[in-house]
Protein backbone atom coordinates (compact mmCIF):
# COMPACT_ATOMS: atom_id res chain seq x y z
CA MET A 1 0.02 -0.03 0.03
CA GLN A 2 2.95 2.37 0.24
CA GLN A 3 2.96 2.80 -3.44
CA ARG A 4 -0.34 4.69 -3.34
CA ILE A 5 1.23 7.35 -0.98
CA ALA A 6 4.28 7.53 -2.95
CA ASP A 7 2.03 8.27 -5.94
CA PHE A 8 1.32 11.64 -4.06
CA GLY A 9 4.96 12.56 -4.08
CA LEU A 10 5.58 11.67 -0.52
CA ARG A 11 8.97 10.25 0.25
CA VAL A 12 10.81 8.97 3.24
CA GLY A 13 13.28 11.63 4.17
CA GLN A 14 11.31 14.66 3.01
CA ARG A 15 11.12 17.45 5.61
CA TYR A 16 8.28 19.76 6.56
CA GLN A 17 7.85 22.71 8.85
CA GLU A 18 4.70 23.28 11.12
CA MET A 19 3.01 26.63 10.37
CA ARG A 20 2.68 27.57 14.01
CA LYS A 21 4.52 30.05 16.21
CA ALA A 22 6.82 27.39 17.82
CA ALA A 23 7.23 25.64 14.39
CA ARG A 24 8.95 22.33 14.62
CA GLN A 25 10.62 20.74 11.65
CA TRP A 26 9.75 17.10 10.89
CA GLU A 27 11.11 14.37 8.52
CA VAL A 28 9.00 11.62 6.90
CA GLU A 29 10.20 8.38 8.69
CA SER A 30 7.62 6.06 7.14
CA TYR A 31 4.11 5.85 5.69
CA TYR A 32 1.32 3.42 5.47
CA THR A 33 -2.45 2.92 4.71
CA ASP A 34 -4.56 1.53 7.39
CA SER A 35 -7.25 -1.08 7.10
CA ARG A 36 -9.79 1.43 6.20
CA ALA A 37 -7.67 2.65 3.25
CA VAL A 38 -6.68 5.87 5.11
CA PRO A 39 -3.05 6.97 4.38
CA HIS A 40 -0.92 7.92 7.30
CA VAL A 41 2.55 9.38 7.60
CA CYS A 42 4.96 8.79 10.46
CA LEU A 43 7.20 11.91 11.18
CA ARG A 44 10.23 12.36 13.38
CA ASP A 45 11.26 15.76 14.90
CA ILE A 46 14.51 16.80 13.22
CA LEU A 47 15.99 18.36 16.42
CA ASP A 48 14.55 15.81 18.81
CA PRO A 49 14.49 12.42 17.06
CA SER A 50 12.95 10.78 20.19
CA ARG A 51 9.77 12.80 19.39
CA ARG A 52 7.49 11.15 16.77
CA VAL A 53 3.97 11.66 15.51
CA THR A 54 1.65 9.92 13.22
CA LEU A 55 -0.78 11.91 11.18
CA VAL A 56 -3.31 11.26 8.26
CA ARG A 57 -1.57 12.21 5.12
CA SER A 58 -4.11 14.94 4.33
CA ALA A 59 -3.05 16.83 7.57
CA LEU A 60 0.53 16.86 6.26
CA MET A 61 -0.56 18.13 2.84
CA ASP A 62 -2.66 20.86 4.37
CA ARG A 63 -0.41 24.01 3.58
CA SER A 64 -2.07 25.92 6.41
CA ARG A 65 -0.58 23.36 8.86
CA PHE A 66 2.63 22.29 7.19
CA ARG A 67 5.02 23.44 4.47
CA PRO A 68 7.61 21.41 2.65
CA LEU A 69 11.27 22.31 3.24
CA GLU A 70 13.76 22.14 0.52
CA VAL A 71 16.87 20.16 1.33
CA ARG A 72 19.93 21.20 -0.51
CA LEU A 73 22.80 18.77 -0.97
CA ARG A 74 26.34 20.03 -0.66
CA ARG A 75 28.72 19.26 -3.54
CA SER A 76 32.17 18.10 -2.59
CA MET A 77 35.09 19.79 -4.25
């Protein structure tokens, strides 16, 4: 069932920031679809990896709640 969520562009390692005053930054750790066909995403706090949450995918895709962060890779010289 993970393929269905991947079809929406969601990938392990993607990062998102909460759109609140004390905005936490989260990284997608895993995702799954439950027995009722509801897609969920498991997030890990970037600054405190012991903090984890599971949300329905639609909550993560709600731009009033979360925004995607661009991760830029450094080039070796």
